[in-house]
Amino acid sequence: MRGERGSGMVSSVVGVTAFLVLLLFGSQLAMNLYASSTVTAAAFDAARIVAGANGDEAAAEAHLRELLDGYDDVRVDWTYGADDVELRIEAEHPSRLLAAVPVPFQRIVRTVTVRRETFR
């Protein structure tokens, strides 16, 4: 058996590599949580605008697209019930670290239901 000369460098490289992988995973997770909460808040805002007294769907979608300016491929689907408005939104996560590698949870899909405001 040979000596242990140079083993410190190998273990340091392995340790730094593991640390960087965990750091990239953590930063991707944090960006995904931020993007998901941003899409949810923007969808709730737009649904609240439509459920209001004026019910202006065009203004709500313009506001939604303004809030989600950097997001790719935003799709909006409105459903009207007797007493509520439902908004289903699909958006592509804007912050991909590696464009060539498919990262899970890149597509954000949220459904928000808001009761309509009516005067009695």
C-alpha atoms as a PDB file:
ATOM      1  CA  MET A   1       0.000   0.000   0.000  1.00  0.00           C
ATOM      2  CA  ARG A   2       1.324   3.425  -0.895  1.00  0.00           C
ATOM      3  CA  GLY A   3       1.318   6.470   1.368  1.00  0.00           C
ATOM      4  CA  GLU A   4      -1.550   8.875   1.856  1.00  0.00           C
ATOM      5  CA  ARG A   5       0.190  11.646   0.029  1.00  0.00           C
ATOM      6  CA  GLY A   6      -2.271  13.776  -2.006  1.00  0.00           C
ATOM      7  CA  SER A   7      -5.413  12.347  -0.404  1.00  0.00           C
ATOM      8  CA  GLY A   8      -6.147  15.669   1.284  1.00  0.00           C
ATOM      9  CA  MET A   9      -6.501  17.378  -2.080  1.00  0.00           C
ATOM     10  CA  VAL A  10      -8.887  14.698  -3.379  1.00  0.00           C
ATOM     11  CA  SER A  11     -11.108  14.889  -0.311  1.00  0.00           C
ATOM     12  CA  SER A  12     -11.117  18.701  -0.514  1.00  0.00           C
ATOM     13  CA  VAL A  13     -12.218  18.592  -4.152  1.00  0.00           C
ATOM     14  CA  VAL A  14     -14.977  16.090  -3.320  1.00  0.00           C
ATOM     15  CA  GLY A  15     -16.124  18.203  -0.367  1.00  0.00           C
ATOM     16  CA  VAL A  16     -16.192  21.469  -2.345  1.00  0.00           C
ATOM     17  CA  THR A  17     -18.046  19.767  -5.217  1.00  0.00           C
ATOM     18  CA  ALA A  18     -20.705  18.387  -2.844  1.00  0.00           C
ATOM     19  CA  PHE A  19     -21.051  21.831  -1.248  1.00  0.00           C
ATOM     20  CA  LEU A  20     -21.518  23.541  -4.629  1.00  0.00           C
ATOM     21  CA  VAL A  21     -24.127  20.981  -5.729  1.00  0.00           C
ATOM     22  CA  LEU A  22     -26.103  21.553  -2.516  1.00  0.00           C
ATOM     23  CA  LEU A  23     -25.743  25.321  -2.911  1.00  0.00           C
ATOM     24  CA  LEU A  24     -27.091  25.206  -6.478  1.00  0.00           C
ATOM     25  CA  PHE A  25     -29.970  22.972  -5.376  1.00  0.00           C
ATOM     26  CA  GLY A  26     -30.822  25.319  -2.515  1.00  0.00           C
ATOM     27  CA  SER A  27     -30.737  28.416  -4.698  1.00  0.00           C
ATOM     28  CA  GLN A  28     -32.925  26.739  -7.354  1.00  0.00           C
ATOM     29  CA  LEU A  29     -35.389  25.712  -4.645  1.00  0.00           C
ATOM     30  CA  ALA A  30     -35.516  29.256  -3.246  1.00  0.00           C
ATOM     31  CA  MET A  31     -36.103  30.736  -6.727  1.00  0.00           C
ATOM     32  CA  ASN A  32     -38.837  28.172  -7.394  1.00  0.00           C
ATOM     33  CA  LEU A  33     -40.617  29.019  -4.122  1.00  0.00           C
ATOM     34  CA  TYR A  34     -40.399  32.722  -4.909  1.00  0.00           C
ATOM     35  CA  ALA A  35     -41.725  32.214  -8.447  1.00  0.00           C
ATOM     36  CA  SER A  36     -44.602  30.037  -7.195  1.00  0.00           C
ATOM     37  CA  SER A  37     -45.658  32.579  -4.589  1.00  0.00           C
ATOM     38  CA  THR A  38     -45.393  35.421  -7.141  1.00  0.00           C
ATOM     39  CA  VAL A  39     -47.635  33.578  -9.624  1.00  0.00           C
ATOM     40  CA  THR A  40     -50.139  32.770  -6.862  1.00  0.00           C
ATOM     41  CA  ALA A  41     -50.290  36.375  -5.652  1.00  0.00           C
ATOM     42  CA  ALA A  42     -50.651  37.753  -9.192  1.00  0.00           C
ATOM     43  CA  ALA A  43     -53.408  35.243  -9.979  1.00  0.00           C
ATOM     44  CA  PHE A  44     -55.283  36.153  -6.803  1.00  0.00           C
ATOM     45  CA  ASP A  45     -54.967  39.848  -7.659  1.00  0.00           C
ATOM     46  CA  ALA A  46     -56.377  39.324 -11.156  1.00  0.00           C
ATOM     47  CA  ALA A  47     -59.226  37.129  -9.908  1.00  0.00           C
ATOM     48  CA  ARG A  48     -60.069  39.718  -7.262  1.00  0.00           C
ATOM     49  CA  ILE A  49     -60.255  42.443  -9.934  1.00  0.00           C
ATOM     50  CA  VAL A  50     -62.680  40.379 -12.042  1.00  0.00           C
ATOM     51  CA  ALA A  51     -64.747  39.396  -9.011  1.00  0.00           C
ATOM     52  CA  GLY A  52     -65.155  43.056  -8.102  1.00  0.00           C
ATOM     53  CA  ALA A  53     -68.055  45.256  -9.041  1.00  0.00           C
ATOM     54  CA  ASN A  54     -66.830  46.086 -12.561  1.00  0.00           C
ATOM     55  CA  GLY A  55     -65.614  42.593 -13.597  1.00  0.00           C
ATOM     56  CA  ASP A  56     -63.186  43.890 -16.233  1.00  0.00           C
ATOM     57  CA  GLU A  57     -61.386  40.768 -17.498  1.00  0.00           C
ATOM     58  CA  ALA A  58     -59.148  42.665 -19.945  1.00  0.00           C
ATOM     59  CA  ALA A  59     -57.856  44.997 -17.216  1.00  0.00           C
ATOM     60  CA  ALA A  60     -57.252  42.025 -14.916  1.00  0.00           C
ATOM     61  CA  GLU A  61     -55.238  40.171 -17.563  1.00  0.00           C
ATOM     62  CA  ALA A  62     -53.222  43.301 -18.340  1.00  0.00           C
ATOM     63  CA  HIS A  63     -52.459  43.701 -14.630  1.00  0.00           C
ATOM     64  CA  LEU A  64     -51.539  40.008 -14.397  1.00  0.00           C
ATOM     65  CA  ARG A  65     -49.161  40.179 -17.362  1.00  0.00           C
ATOM     66  CA  GLU A  66     -47.598  43.345 -15.948  1.00  0.00           C
ATOM     67  CA  LEU A  67     -46.918  41.579 -12.645  1.00  0.00           C
ATOM     68  CA  LEU A  68     -45.535  38.502 -14.420  1.00  0.00           C
ATOM     69  CA  ASP A  69     -43.401  40.411 -16.902  1.00  0.00           C
ATOM     70  CA  GLY A  70     -40.382  38.074 -16.929  1.00  0.00           C
ATOM     71  CA  TYR A  71     -42.360  34.834 -16.990  1.00  0.00           C
ATOM     72  CA  ASP A  72     -42.512  32.839 -20.208  1.00  0.00           C
ATOM     73  CA  ASP A  73     -45.578  31.280 -21.816  1.00  0.00           C
ATOM     74  CA  VAL A  74     -48.276  32.593 -19.456  1.00  0.00           C
ATOM     75  CA  ARG A  75     -51.679  31.010 -20.124  1.00  0.00           C
ATOM     76  CA  VAL A  76     -54.840  32.238 -18.435  1.00  0.00           C
ATOM     77  CA  ASP A  77     -58.204  30.473 -18.283  1.00  0.00           C
ATOM     78  CA  TRP A  78     -61.268  32.034 -16.656  1.00  0.00           C
ATOM     79  CA  THR A  79     -64.243  30.038 -15.360  1.00  0.00           C
ATOM     80  CA  TYR A  80     -67.358  31.740 -14.042  1.00  0.00           C
ATOM     81  CA  GLY A  81     -69.649  30.081 -11.525  1.00  0.00           C
ATOM     82  CA  ALA A  82     -72.876  31.305 -10.029  1.00  0.00           C
ATOM     83  CA  ASP A  83     -71.153  33.020  -7.100  1.00  0.00           C
ATOM     84  CA  ASP A  84     -67.472  32.815  -7.888  1.00  0.00           C
ATOM     85  CA  VAL A  85     -64.711  33.415 -10.411  1.00  0.00           C
ATOM     86  CA  GLU A  86     -62.016  30.827 -10.981  1.00  0.00           C
ATOM     87  CA  LEU A  87     -58.681  31.637 -12.590  1.00  0.00           C
ATOM     88  CA  ARG A  88     -56.334  28.895 -13.750  1.00  0.00           C
ATOM     89  CA  ILE A  89     -52.882  30.131 -14.683  1.00  0.00           C
ATOM     90  CA  GLU A  90     -49.922  28.284 -16.176  1.00  0.00           C
ATOM     91  CA  ALA A  91     -46.522  29.947 -16.401  1.00  0.00           C
ATOM     92  CA  GLU A  92     -43.004  28.844 -17.204  1.00  0.00           C
ATOM     93  CA  HIS A  93     -40.453  29.482 -14.454  1.00  0.00           C
ATOM     94  CA  PRO A  94     -38.281  32.451 -15.537  1.00  0.00           C
ATOM     95  CA  SER A  95     -35.043  31.619 -13.731  1.00  0.00           C
ATOM     96  CA  ARG A  96     -33.491  28.495 -15.151  1.00  0.00           C
ATOM     97  CA  LEU A  97     -29.931  27.966 -14.061  1.00  0.00           C
ATOM     98  CA  LEU A  98     -29.109  25.574 -16.871  1.00  0.00           C
ATOM     99  CA  ALA A  99     -31.244  25.965 -19.972  1.00  0.00           C
ATOM    100  CA  ALA A 100     -30.160  22.631 -21.462  1.00  0.00           C
ATOM    101  CA  VAL A 101     -30.953  20.574 -18.332  1.00  0.00           C
ATOM    102  CA  PRO A 102     -34.645  20.054 -17.560  1.00  0.00           C
ATOM    103  CA  VAL A 103     -35.213  21.116 -13.962  1.00  0.00           C
ATOM    104  CA  PRO A 104     -38.282  19.718 -12.185  1.00  0.00           C
ATOM    105  CA  PHE A 105     -41.159  22.050 -11.340  1.00  0.00           C
ATOM    106  CA  GLN A 106     -40.384  24.500 -14.165  1.00  0.00           C
ATOM    107  CA  ARG A 107     -44.075  24.775 -15.057  1.00  0.00           C
ATOM    108  CA  ILE A 108     -46.114  26.595 -12.411  1.00  0.00           C
ATOM    109  CA  VAL A 109     -49.846  25.831 -12.423  1.00  0.00           C
ATOM    110  CA  ARG A 110     -52.147  27.576  -9.973  1.00  0.00           C
ATOM    111  CA  THR A 111     -55.931  27.783  -9.597  1.00  0.00           C
ATOM    112  CA  VAL A 112     -57.488  30.626  -7.617  1.00  0.00           C
ATOM    113  CA  THR A 113     -61.174  30.896  -6.740  1.00  0.00           C
ATOM    114  CA  VAL A 114     -62.665  34.178  -5.533  1.00  0.00           C
ATOM    115  CA  ARG A 115     -66.291  34.856  -4.622  1.00  0.00           C
ATOM    116  CA  ARG A 116     -68.051  37.550  -6.636  1.00  0.00           C
ATOM    117  CA  GLU A 117     -69.091  40.723  -4.941  1.00  0.00           C
ATOM    118  CA  THR A 118     -72.791  41.452  -5.371  1.00  0.00           C
ATOM    119  CA  PHE A 119     -74.989  44.089  -3.823  1.00  0.00           C
ATOM    120  CA  ARG A 120     -78.139  42.909  -2.090  1.00  0.00           C
END
